[in-house]
PDB file of all heavy atoms in Angstrom:
ATOM      1  N   ILE A   1    -128.141  23.718  69.939  1.00  0.00           N
ATOM      2  CA  ILE A   1    -126.814  23.244  69.540  1.00  0.00           C
ATOM      3  C   ILE A   1    -125.847  23.441  70.701  1.00  0.00           C
ATOM      4  O   ILE A   1    -125.611  24.565  71.144  1.00  0.00           O
ATOM      5  CB  ILE A   1    -126.294  23.993  68.295  1.00  0.00           C
ATOM      6  CG1 ILE A   1    -127.211  23.774  67.104  1.00  0.00           C
ATOM      7  CG2 ILE A   1    -124.863  23.575  67.963  1.00  0.00           C
ATOM      8  CD1 ILE A   1    -127.258  22.338  66.605  1.00  0.00           C
ATOM      9  N   SER A   2    -125.308  22.336  71.188  1.00  0.00           N
ATOM     10  CA  SER A   2    -124.315  22.404  72.251  1.00  0.00           C
ATOM     11  C   SER A   2    -122.943  22.703  71.658  1.00  0.00           C
ATOM     12  O   SER A   2    -122.575  22.162  70.610  1.00  0.00           O
ATOM     13  CB  SER A   2    -124.265  21.089  73.025  1.00  0.00           C
ATOM     14  OG  SER A   2    -123.177  21.090  73.932  1.00  0.00           O
ATOM     15  N   LEU A   3    -122.188  23.537  72.351  1.00  0.00           N
ATOM     16  CA  LEU A   3    -120.822  23.859  71.925  1.00  0.00           C
ATOM     17  C   LEU A   3    -119.787  23.042  72.697  1.00  0.00           C
ATOM     18  O   LEU A   3    -118.620  23.431  72.783  1.00  0.00           O
ATOM     19  CB  LEU A   3    -120.557  25.358  72.114  1.00  0.00           C
ATOM     20  CG  LEU A   3    -121.468  26.317  71.341  1.00  0.00           C
ATOM     21  CD1 LEU A   3    -121.029  27.763  71.559  1.00  0.00           C
ATOM     22  CD2 LEU A   3    -121.488  25.991  69.851  1.00  0.00           C
ATOM     23  N   ASP A   4    -120.182  21.899  73.240  1.00  0.00           N
ATOM     24  CA  ASP A   4    -119.265  21.111  74.058  1.00  0.00           C
ATOM     25  C   ASP A   4    -118.132  20.474  73.259  1.00  0.00           C
ATOM     26  O   ASP A   4    -117.217  19.881  73.838  1.00  0.00           O
ATOM     27  CB  ASP A   4    -120.019  20.038  74.845  1.00  0.00           C
ATOM     28  CG  ASP A   4    -120.788  19.063  73.949  1.00  0.00           C
ATOM     29  OD1 ASP A   4    -120.730  19.217  72.703  1.00  0.00           O
ATOM     30  OD2 ASP A   4    -121.451  18.161  74.491  1.00  0.00           O
ATOM     31  N   PHE A   5    -118.162  20.595  71.921  1.00  0.00           N
ATOM     32  CA  PHE A   5    -117.055  20.106  71.102  1.00  0.00           C
ATOM     33  C   PHE A   5    -115.857  21.052  71.136  1.00  0.00           C
ATOM     34  O   PHE A   5    -114.746  20.685  70.735  1.00  0.00           O
ATOM     35  CB  PHE A   5    -117.510  19.923  69.649  1.00  0.00           C
ATOM     36  CG  PHE A   5    -117.900  21.204  68.973  1.00  0.00           C
ATOM     37  CD1 PHE A   5    -116.980  21.952  68.261  1.00  0.00           C
ATOM     38  CD2 PHE A   5    -119.203  21.688  69.068  1.00  0.00           C
ATOM     39  CE1 PHE A   5    -117.335  23.139  67.649  1.00  0.00           C
ATOM     40  CE2 PHE A   5    -119.571  22.873  68.464  1.00  0.00           C
ATOM     41  CZ  PHE A   5    -118.636  23.604  67.755  1.00  0.00           C
ATOM     42  N   LEU A   6    -116.068  22.290  71.590  1.00  0.00           N
ATOM     43  CA  LEU A   6    -114.985  23.264  71.607  1.00  0.00           C
ATOM     44  C   LEU A   6    -113.949  22.901  72.671  1.00  0.00           C
ATOM     45  O   LEU A   6    -114.294  22.373  73.735  1.00  0.00           O
ATOM     46  CB  LEU A   6    -115.537  24.660  71.909  1.00  0.00           C
ATOM     47  CG  LEU A   6    -116.416  25.324  70.859  1.00  0.00           C
ATOM     48  CD1 LEU A   6    -116.999  26.625  71.414  1.00  0.00           C
ATOM     49  CD2 LEU A   6    -115.638  25.595  69.580  1.00  0.00           C
ATOM     50  N   PRO A   7    -112.681  23.208  72.423  1.00  0.00           N
ATOM     51  CA  PRO A   7    -111.675  23.080  73.482  1.00  0.00           C
ATOM     52  C   PRO A   7    -111.951  24.082  74.606  1.00  0.00           C
ATOM     53  O   PRO A   7    -112.770  24.982  74.479  1.00  0.00           O
ATOM     54  CB  PRO A   7    -110.355  23.393  72.758  1.00  0.00           C
ATOM     55  CG  PRO A   7    -110.651  23.224  71.311  1.00  0.00           C
ATOM     56  CD  PRO A   7    -112.097  23.586  71.137  1.00  0.00           C
ATOM     57  N   GLU A   8    -111.226  23.893  75.696  1.00  0.00           N
ATOM     58  CA  GLU A   8    -111.369  24.828  76.810  1.00  0.00           C
ATOM     59  C   GLU A   8    -110.987  26.238  76.376  1.00  0.00           C
ATOM     60  O   GLU A   8    -110.178  26.438  75.479  1.00  0.00           O
ATOM     61  CB  GLU A   8    -110.475  24.382  77.976  1.00  0.00           C
ATOM     62  CG  GLU A   8    -110.910  23.068  78.633  1.00  0.00           C
ATOM     63  CD  GLU A   8    -112.234  23.193  79.377  1.00  0.00           C
ATOM     64  OE1 GLU A   8    -112.640  24.342  79.686  1.00  0.00           O
ATOM     65  OE2 GLU A   8    -112.862  22.154  79.645  1.00  0.00           O
ATOM     66  N   GLY A   9    -111.565  27.212  77.036  1.00  0.00           N
ATOM     67  CA  GLY A   9    -111.272  28.601  76.731  1.00  0.00           C
ATOM     68  C   GLY A   9    -112.508  29.325  76.243  1.00  0.00           C
ATOM     69  O   GLY A   9    -113.596  28.750  76.118  1.00  0.00           O
ATOM     70  N   THR A  10    -112.350  30.595  75.946  1.00  0.00           N
ATOM     71  CA  THR A  10    -113.457  31.402  75.449  1.00  0.00           C
ATOM     72  C   THR A  10    -113.208  31.808  74.004  1.00  0.00           C
ATOM     73  O   THR A  10    -112.070  31.907  73.550  1.00  0.00           O
ATOM     74  CB  THR A  10    -113.663  32.652  76.319  1.00  0.00           C
ATOM     75  OG1 THR A  10    -112.447  33.412  76.338  1.00  0.00           O
ATOM     76  CG2 THR A  10    -114.053  32.263  77.736  1.00  0.00           C
ATOM     77  N   TYR A  11    -114.306  32.060  73.317  1.00  0.00           N
ATOM     78  CA  TYR A  11    -114.266  32.398  71.899  1.00  0.00           C
ATOM     79  C   TYR A  11    -115.101  33.647  71.649  1.00  0.00           C
ATOM     80  O   TYR A  11    -116.169  33.833  72.250  1.00  0.00           O
ATOM     81  CB  TYR A  11    -114.821  31.250  71.052  1.00  0.00           C
ATOM     82  CG  TYR A  11    -113.957  30.019  71.027  1.00  0.00           C
ATOM     83  CD1 TYR A  11    -113.951  29.131  72.104  1.00  0.00           C
ATOM     84  CD2 TYR A  11    -113.143  29.734  69.937  1.00  0.00           C
ATOM     85  CE1 TYR A  11    -113.157  28.001  72.084  1.00  0.00           C
ATOM     86  CE2 TYR A  11    -112.342  28.606  69.910  1.00  0.00           C
ATOM     87  CZ  TYR A  11    -112.357  27.747  70.988  1.00  0.00           C
ATOM     88  OH  TYR A  11    -111.559  26.630  70.965  1.00  0.00           O
ATOM     89  N   THR A  12    -114.620  34.471  70.741  1.00  0.00           N
ATOM     90  CA  THR A  12    -115.422  35.580  70.233  1.00  0.00           C
ATOM     91  C   THR A  12    -116.187  35.079  69.021  1.00  0.00           C
ATOM     92  O   THR A  12    -115.586  34.658  68.021  1.00  0.00           O
ATOM     93  CB  THR A  12    -114.541  36.777  69.844  1.00  0.00           C
ATOM     94  OG1 THR A  12    -113.844  37.240  71.000  1.00  0.00           O
ATOM     95  CG2 THR A  12    -115.393  37.903  69.285  1.00  0.00           C
ATOM     96  N   ALA A  13    -117.499  35.092  69.113  1.00  0.00           N
ATOM     97  CA  ALA A  13    -118.349  34.547  68.050  1.00  0.00           C
ATOM     98  C   ALA A  13    -119.028  35.676  67.286  1.00  0.00           C
ATOM     99  O   ALA A  13    -119.653  36.553  67.890  1.00  0.00           O
ATOM    100  CB  ALA A  13    -119.392  33.614  68.639  1.00  0.00           C
ATOM    101  N   GLU A  14    -118.881  35.652  65.962  1.00  0.00           N
ATOM    102  CA  GLU A  14    -119.646  36.523  65.075  1.00  0.00           C
ATOM    103  C   GLU A  14    -120.750  35.675  64.471  1.00  0.00           C
ATOM    104  O   GLU A  14    -120.478  34.703  63.757  1.00  0.00           O
ATOM    105  CB  GLU A  14    -118.750  37.106  63.985  1.00  0.00           C
ATOM    106  CG  GLU A  14    -117.669  38.033  64.516  1.00  0.00           C
ATOM    107  CD  GLU A  14    -116.708  38.477  63.425  1.00  0.00           C
ATOM    108  OE1 GLU A  14    -116.717  37.860  62.337  1.00  0.00           O
ATOM    109  OE2 GLU A  14    -115.951  39.426  63.666  1.00  0.00           O
ATOM    110  N   ILE A  15    -121.997  36.029  64.743  1.00  0.00           N
ATOM    111  CA  ILE A  15    -123.136  35.184  64.405  1.00  0.00           C
ATOM    112  C   ILE A  15    -124.032  35.912  63.404  1.00  0.00           C
ATOM    113  O   ILE A  15    -124.486  37.038  63.660  1.00  0.00           O
ATOM    114  CB  ILE A  15    -123.936  34.814  65.664  1.00  0.00           C
ATOM    115  CG1 ILE A  15    -123.016  34.138  66.696  1.00  0.00           C
ATOM    116  CG2 ILE A  15    -125.102  33.899  65.305  1.00  0.00           C
ATOM    117  CD1 ILE A  15    -123.686  33.900  68.035  1.00  0.00           C
ATOM    118  N   TYR A  16    -124.267  35.267  62.262  1.00  0.00           N
ATOM    119  CA  TYR A  16    -125.135  35.805  61.210  1.00  0.00           C
ATOM    120  C   TYR A  16    -126.433  34.992  61.221  1.00  0.00           C
ATOM    121  O   TYR A  16    -126.415  33.775  60.993  1.00  0.00           O
ATOM    122  CB  TYR A  16    -124.473  35.688  59.849  1.00  0.00           C
ATOM    123  CG  TYR A  16    -123.154  36.427  59.730  1.00  0.00           C
ATOM    124  CD1 TYR A  16    -121.965  35.860  60.202  1.00  0.00           C
ATOM    125  CD2 TYR A  16    -123.080  37.693  59.138  1.00  0.00           C
ATOM    126  CE1 TYR A  16    -120.756  36.526  60.085  1.00  0.00           C
ATOM    127  CE2 TYR A  16    -121.883  38.371  59.026  1.00  0.00           C
ATOM    128  CZ  TYR A  16    -120.720  37.778  59.499  1.00  0.00           C
ATOM    129  OH  TYR A  16    -119.521  38.440  59.383  1.00  0.00           O
ATOM    130  N   SER A  17    -127.552  35.673  61.465  1.00  0.00           N
ATOM    131  CA  SER A  17    -128.836  34.995  61.605  1.00  0.00           C
ATOM    132  C   SER A  17    -129.874  35.614  60.682  1.00  0.00           C
ATOM    133  O   SER A  17    -129.772  36.785  60.291  1.00  0.00           O
ATOM    134  CB  SER A  17    -129.338  35.096  63.055  1.00  0.00           C
ATOM    135  OG  SER A  17    -128.389  34.590  63.971  1.00  0.00           O
ATOM    136  N   ASP A  18    -130.891  34.819  60.348  1.00  0.00           N
ATOM    137  CA  ASP A  18    -132.010  35.331  59.561  1.00  0.00           C
ATOM    138  C   ASP A  18    -132.692  36.470  60.317  1.00  0.00           C
ATOM    139  O   ASP A  18    -133.002  36.349  61.510  1.00  0.00           O
ATOM    140  CB  ASP A  18    -133.041  34.218  59.319  1.00  0.00           C
ATOM    141  CG  ASP A  18    -132.499  33.108  58.438  1.00  0.00           C
ATOM    142  OD1 ASP A  18    -131.777  33.417  57.475  1.00  0.00           O
ATOM    143  OD2 ASP A  18    -132.791  31.924  58.726  1.00  0.00           O
ATOM    144  N   ALA A  19    -132.916  37.587  59.630  1.00  0.00           N
ATOM    145  CA  ALA A  19    -133.613  38.725  60.230  1.00  0.00           C
ATOM    146  C   ALA A  19    -135.097  38.397  60.402  1.00  0.00           C
ATOM    147  O   ALA A  19    -135.635  37.502  59.734  1.00  0.00           O
ATOM    148  CB  ALA A  19    -133.440  39.962  59.363  1.00  0.00           C
ATOM    149  N   PRO A  20    -135.786  39.097  61.287  1.00  0.00           N
ATOM    150  CA  PRO A  20    -137.217  38.804  61.505  1.00  0.00           C
ATOM    151  C   PRO A  20    -138.084  38.956  60.260  1.00  0.00           C
ATOM    152  O   PRO A  20    -139.138  38.316  60.165  1.00  0.00           O
ATOM    153  CB  PRO A  20    -137.617  39.834  62.580  1.00  0.00           C
ATOM    154  CG  PRO A  20    -136.343  40.158  63.293  1.00  0.00           C
ATOM    155  CD  PRO A  20    -135.275  40.099  62.242  1.00  0.00           C
ATOM    156  N   ASP A  21    -137.656  39.783  59.297  1.00  0.00           N
ATOM    157  CA  ASP A  21    -138.506  40.049  58.132  1.00  0.00           C
ATOM    158  C   ASP A  21    -138.069  39.294  56.880  1.00  0.00           C
ATOM    159  O   ASP A  21    -138.396  39.704  55.760  1.00  0.00           O
ATOM    160  CB  ASP A  21    -138.540  41.550  57.838  1.00  0.00           C
ATOM    161  CG  ASP A  21    -137.168  42.107  57.454  1.00  0.00           C
ATOM    162  OD1 ASP A  21    -136.155  41.397  57.671  1.00  0.00           O
ATOM    163  OD2 ASP A  21    -137.103  43.244  56.946  1.00  0.00           O
ATOM    164  N   VAL A  22    -137.334  38.182  57.036  1.00  0.00           N
ATOM    165  CA  VAL A  22    -136.795  37.507  55.840  1.00  0.00           C
ATOM    166  C   VAL A  22    -137.881  36.908  54.955  1.00  0.00           C
ATOM    167  O   VAL A  22    -137.625  36.638  53.779  1.00  0.00           O
ATOM    168  CB  VAL A  22    -135.767  36.409  56.210  1.00  0.00           C
ATOM    169  CG1 VAL A  22    -134.480  37.019  56.709  1.00  0.00           C
ATOM    170  CG2 VAL A  22    -136.350  35.425  57.206  1.00  0.00           C
ATOM    171  N   ALA A  23    -139.058  36.693  55.463  1.00  0.00           N
ATOM    172  CA  ALA A  23    -140.127  36.186  54.592  1.00  0.00           C
ATOM    173  C   ALA A  23    -140.420  37.179  53.472  1.00  0.00           C
ATOM    174  O   ALA A  23    -140.770  36.783  52.352  1.00  0.00           O
ATOM    175  CB  ALA A  23    -141.390  35.916  55.403  1.00  0.00           C
ATOM    176  N   GLN A  24    -140.252  38.472  53.770  1.00  0.00           N
ATOM    177  CA  GLN A  24    -140.456  39.505  52.753  1.00  0.00           C
ATOM    178  C   GLN A  24    -139.135  39.975  52.150  1.00  0.00           C
ATOM    179  O   GLN A  24    -139.072  40.311  50.960  1.00  0.00           O
ATOM    180  CB  GLN A  24    -141.181  40.717  53.357  1.00  0.00           C
ATOM    181  CG  GLN A  24    -142.601  40.455  53.833  1.00  0.00           C
ATOM    182  CD  GLN A  24    -142.644  39.727  55.170  1.00  0.00           C
ATOM    183  OE1 GLN A  24    -141.816  39.985  56.048  1.00  0.00           O
ATOM    184  NE2 GLN A  24    -143.587  38.802  55.314  1.00  0.00           N
ATOM    185  N   GLU A  25    -138.083  40.022  52.972  1.00  0.00           N
ATOM    186  CA  GLU A  25    -136.771  40.518  52.539  1.00  0.00           C
ATOM    187  C   GLU A  25    -135.697  39.481  52.880  1.00  0.00           C
ATOM    188  O   GLU A  25    -134.993  39.604  53.886  1.00  0.00           O
ATOM    189  CB  GLU A  25    -136.468  41.857  53.221  1.00  0.00           C
ATOM    190  CG  GLU A  25    -137.456  42.963  52.929  1.00  0.00           C
ATOM    191  CD  GLU A  25    -137.374  43.440  51.486  1.00  0.00           C
ATOM    192  OE1 GLU A  25    -136.369  43.126  50.805  1.00  0.00           O
ATOM    193  OE2 GLU A  25    -138.306  44.134  51.032  1.00  0.00           O
ATOM    194  N   PRO A  26    -135.574  38.430  52.078  1.00  0.00           N
ATOM    195  CA  PRO A  26    -134.689  37.316  52.442  1.00  0.00           C
ATOM    196  C   PRO A  26    -133.202  37.657  52.470  1.00  0.00           C
ATOM    197  O   PRO A  26    -132.400  36.851  52.962  1.00  0.00           O
ATOM    198  CB  PRO A  26    -134.994  36.254  51.383  1.00  0.00           C
ATOM    199  CG  PRO A  26    -135.617  36.983  50.249  1.00  0.00           C
ATOM    200  CD  PRO A  26    -136.334  38.149  50.848  1.00  0.00           C
ATOM    201  N   ASN A  27    -132.803  38.834  51.964  1.00  0.00           N
ATOM    202  CA  ASN A  27    -131.395  39.227  52.059  1.00  0.00           C
ATOM    203  C   ASN A  27    -131.063  39.882  53.396  1.00  0.00           C
ATOM    204  O   ASN A  27    -129.888  40.145  53.677  1.00  0.00           O
ATOM    205  CB  ASN A  27    -131.034  40.191  50.923  1.00  0.00           C
ATOM    206  CG  ASN A  27    -131.112  39.526  49.563  1.00  0.00           C
ATOM    207  OD1 ASN A  27    -130.440  38.545  49.316  1.00  0.00           O
ATOM    208  ND2 ASN A  27    -131.975  40.056  48.702  1.00  0.00           N
ATOM    209  N   HIS A  28    -132.059  40.153  54.213  1.00  0.00           N
ATOM    210  CA  HIS A  28    -131.819  40.790  55.495  1.00  0.00           C
ATOM    211  C   HIS A  28    -131.268  39.766  56.491  1.00  0.00           C
ATOM    212  O   HIS A  28    -131.664  38.595  56.503  1.00  0.00           O
ATOM    213  CB  HIS A  28    -133.103  41.403  56.050  1.00  0.00           C
ATOM    214  CG  HIS A  28    -133.520  42.636  55.329  1.00  0.00           C
ATOM    215  ND1 HIS A  28    -134.590  43.415  55.720  1.00  0.00           N
ATOM    216  CD2 HIS A  28    -133.002  43.262  54.224  1.00  0.00           C
ATOM    217  CE1 HIS A  28    -134.726  44.452  54.899  1.00  0.00           C
ATOM    218  NE2 HIS A  28    -133.780  44.366  53.981  1.00  0.00           N
ATOM    219  N   LEU A  29    -130.369  40.241  57.328  1.00  0.00           N
ATOM    220  CA  LEU A  29    -129.807  39.385  58.372  1.00  0.00           C
ATOM    221  C   LEU A  29    -129.469  40.239  59.580  1.00  0.00           C
ATOM    222  O   LEU A  29    -129.412  41.464  59.502  1.00  0.00           O
ATOM    223  CB  LEU A  29    -128.578  38.629  57.869  1.00  0.00           C
ATOM    224  CG  LEU A  29    -127.375  39.414  57.330  1.00  0.00           C
ATOM    225  CD1 LEU A  29    -126.468  39.939  58.445  1.00  0.00           C
ATOM    226  CD2 LEU A  29    -126.551  38.537  56.384  1.00  0.00           C
ATOM    227  N   THR A  30    -129.238  39.570  60.680  1.00  0.00           N
ATOM    228  CA  THR A  30    -128.725  40.241  61.868  1.00  0.00           C
ATOM    229  C   THR A  30    -127.338  39.690  62.159  1.00  0.00           C
ATOM    230  O   THR A  30    -127.070  38.511  61.934  1.00  0.00           O
ATOM    231  CB  THR A  30    -129.627  40.020  63.086  1.00  0.00           C
ATOM    232  OG1 THR A  30    -129.668  38.623  63.407  1.00  0.00           O
ATOM    233  CG2 THR A  30    -131.038  40.519  62.819  1.00  0.00           C
ATOM    234  N   LYS A  31    -126.467  40.547  62.644  1.00  0.00           N
ATOM    235  CA  LYS A  31    -125.118  40.140  63.018  1.00  0.00           C
ATOM    236  C   LYS A  31    -124.875  40.551  64.458  1.00  0.00           C
ATOM    237  O   LYS A  31    -125.101  41.705  64.822  1.00  0.00           O
ATOM    238  CB  LYS A  31    -124.077  40.778  62.096  1.00  0.00           C
ATOM    239  CG  LYS A  31    -122.642  40.380  62.416  1.00  0.00           C
ATOM    240  CD  LYS A  31    -121.661  41.084  61.487  1.00  0.00           C
ATOM    241  CE  LYS A  31    -120.220  40.725  61.839  1.00  0.00           C
ATOM    242  NZ  LYS A  31    -119.240  41.433  60.962  1.00  0.00           N
TER     243      LYS A  31
END
């Protein structure tokens, strides 16, 4: 996913992703 739609400048991104063990524990995530 390209972020080229963003205006100029920098952003602080908080990213929530599927944890490695979600096949067994689907509520787990990484931030």
